[in-house]
Protein backbone atom coordinates (compact mmCIF):
# COMPACT_ATOMS: atom_id res chain seq x y z
CA MET A 1 79.71 48.11 -26.23
CA ARG A 2 80.58 51.71 -25.02
CA LEU A 3 83.93 50.39 -23.74
CA VAL A 4 84.54 48.90 -27.24
CA LEU A 5 83.49 52.12 -29.02
CA ASN A 6 85.77 54.17 -26.56
CA THR A 7 88.73 51.97 -27.33
CA ILE A 8 88.14 52.31 -31.14
CA ILE A 9 87.82 56.13 -30.98
CA MET A 10 91.16 56.26 -28.74
CA SER A 11 93.00 54.24 -31.33
CA GLU A 12 91.64 56.46 -33.95
CA ASN A 13 92.58 59.58 -32.19
CA SER A 14 96.02 58.53 -31.43
CA THR A 15 96.82 57.98 -35.07
CA GLN A 16 94.81 60.69 -36.46
CA ASN A 17 94.59 63.98 -34.41
CA ASN A 18 92.89 66.30 -36.96
CA SER A 19 90.43 63.81 -38.51
CA PHE A 20 86.56 63.64 -38.22
CA SER A 21 85.31 60.71 -36.40
CA ALA A 22 81.76 59.71 -37.11
CA ILE A 23 81.86 57.34 -34.21
CA SER A 24 82.67 60.13 -31.81
CA LEU A 25 79.81 62.28 -33.13
CA LEU A 26 77.45 59.44 -32.83
CA LEU A 27 78.40 58.91 -29.22
CA PHE A 28 78.02 62.54 -28.27
CA LEU A 29 74.54 62.57 -29.91
CA TRP A 30 73.67 59.49 -28.16
CA GLY A 31 74.78 60.90 -24.87
CA LYS A 32 72.73 63.92 -25.53
CA ARG A 33 69.66 61.93 -26.66
CA LYS A 34 67.43 63.04 -23.75
CA ILE A 35 67.97 66.52 -24.28
CA LEU A 36 67.64 66.43 -28.07
CA ILE A 37 64.35 64.50 -27.96
CA SER A 38 62.90 66.79 -25.28
CA VAL A 39 63.80 69.86 -27.21
CA GLY A 40 62.33 68.37 -30.16
CA VAL A 41 59.05 67.47 -28.54
CA ILE A 42 58.65 70.63 -26.80
CA ALA A 43 59.46 72.49 -30.14
CA THR A 44 56.69 70.42 -31.97
CA VAL A 45 53.96 71.10 -29.32
CA ALA A 46 54.80 74.81 -29.07
CA ALA A 47 54.67 74.99 -33.00
CA ILE A 48 51.26 73.10 -32.92
CA ILE A 49 49.82 75.42 -30.11
CA PHE A 50 50.92 78.61 -31.49
CA SER A 51 49.68 77.78 -35.19
CA LEU A 52 46.28 77.18 -34.00
CA PRO A 53 43.70 79.87 -34.69
CA TYR A 54 43.49 81.00 -31.20
CA PHE A 55 46.93 82.80 -31.50
CA ILE A 56 46.98 83.48 -35.22
CA PRO A 57 43.42 84.53 -36.44
CA PRO A 58 42.98 83.67 -40.20
CA LYS A 59 43.23 86.66 -42.47
CA TYR A 60 42.04 85.16 -45.90
CA GLU A 61 39.73 82.68 -47.11
CA SER A 62 40.15 80.73 -50.39
CA THR A 63 37.47 79.48 -52.66
CA VAL A 64 37.69 77.35 -55.77
CA VAL A 65 35.30 76.74 -58.60
CA LEU A 66 35.79 73.75 -60.46
CA PHE A 67 34.17 73.03 -63.89
CA PRO A 68 34.15 69.60 -65.49
CA SER A 69 35.83 69.03 -68.69
CA SER A 70 33.66 68.86 -71.85
CA THR A 71 35.37 65.87 -73.17
CA ASN A 72 36.36 62.63 -71.49
CA SER A 73 39.69 62.29 -73.26
CA ILE A 74 42.61 64.21 -71.49
CA SER A 75 44.74 64.38 -74.62
CA LYS A 76 41.92 65.80 -76.76
CA ALA A 77 41.28 68.44 -74.08
CA LEU A 78 44.85 69.42 -73.92
CA LEU A 79 45.32 69.41 -77.77
CA GLY A 80 42.04 70.71 -78.79
CA ASP A 81 42.45 74.56 -78.22
CA ASN A 82 46.12 74.86 -78.56
CA GLN A 83 46.73 73.21 -81.81
CA VAL A 84 47.92 75.26 -84.69
CA ASN A 85 46.62 74.52 -88.13
CA CYS A 86 49.68 74.42 -90.82
């Protein structure tokens, strides 16, 4: 398969010298796949480890007080207080 793709790239390169070839980019990335995957895994693990509370202590704590609506209808609750009498 790689031989077929290389011949396609060579034929494209011989006809167009200044053009972008997506196939050559894909082949380059495929050749570097082990490096790209390992860098991605290492960065993910490092981000998880360094974002734990052991490295960054929490500074703030948020709380929420949630009150239930007095009416069961959402449209009545939205329009009830905001409606202007004409």
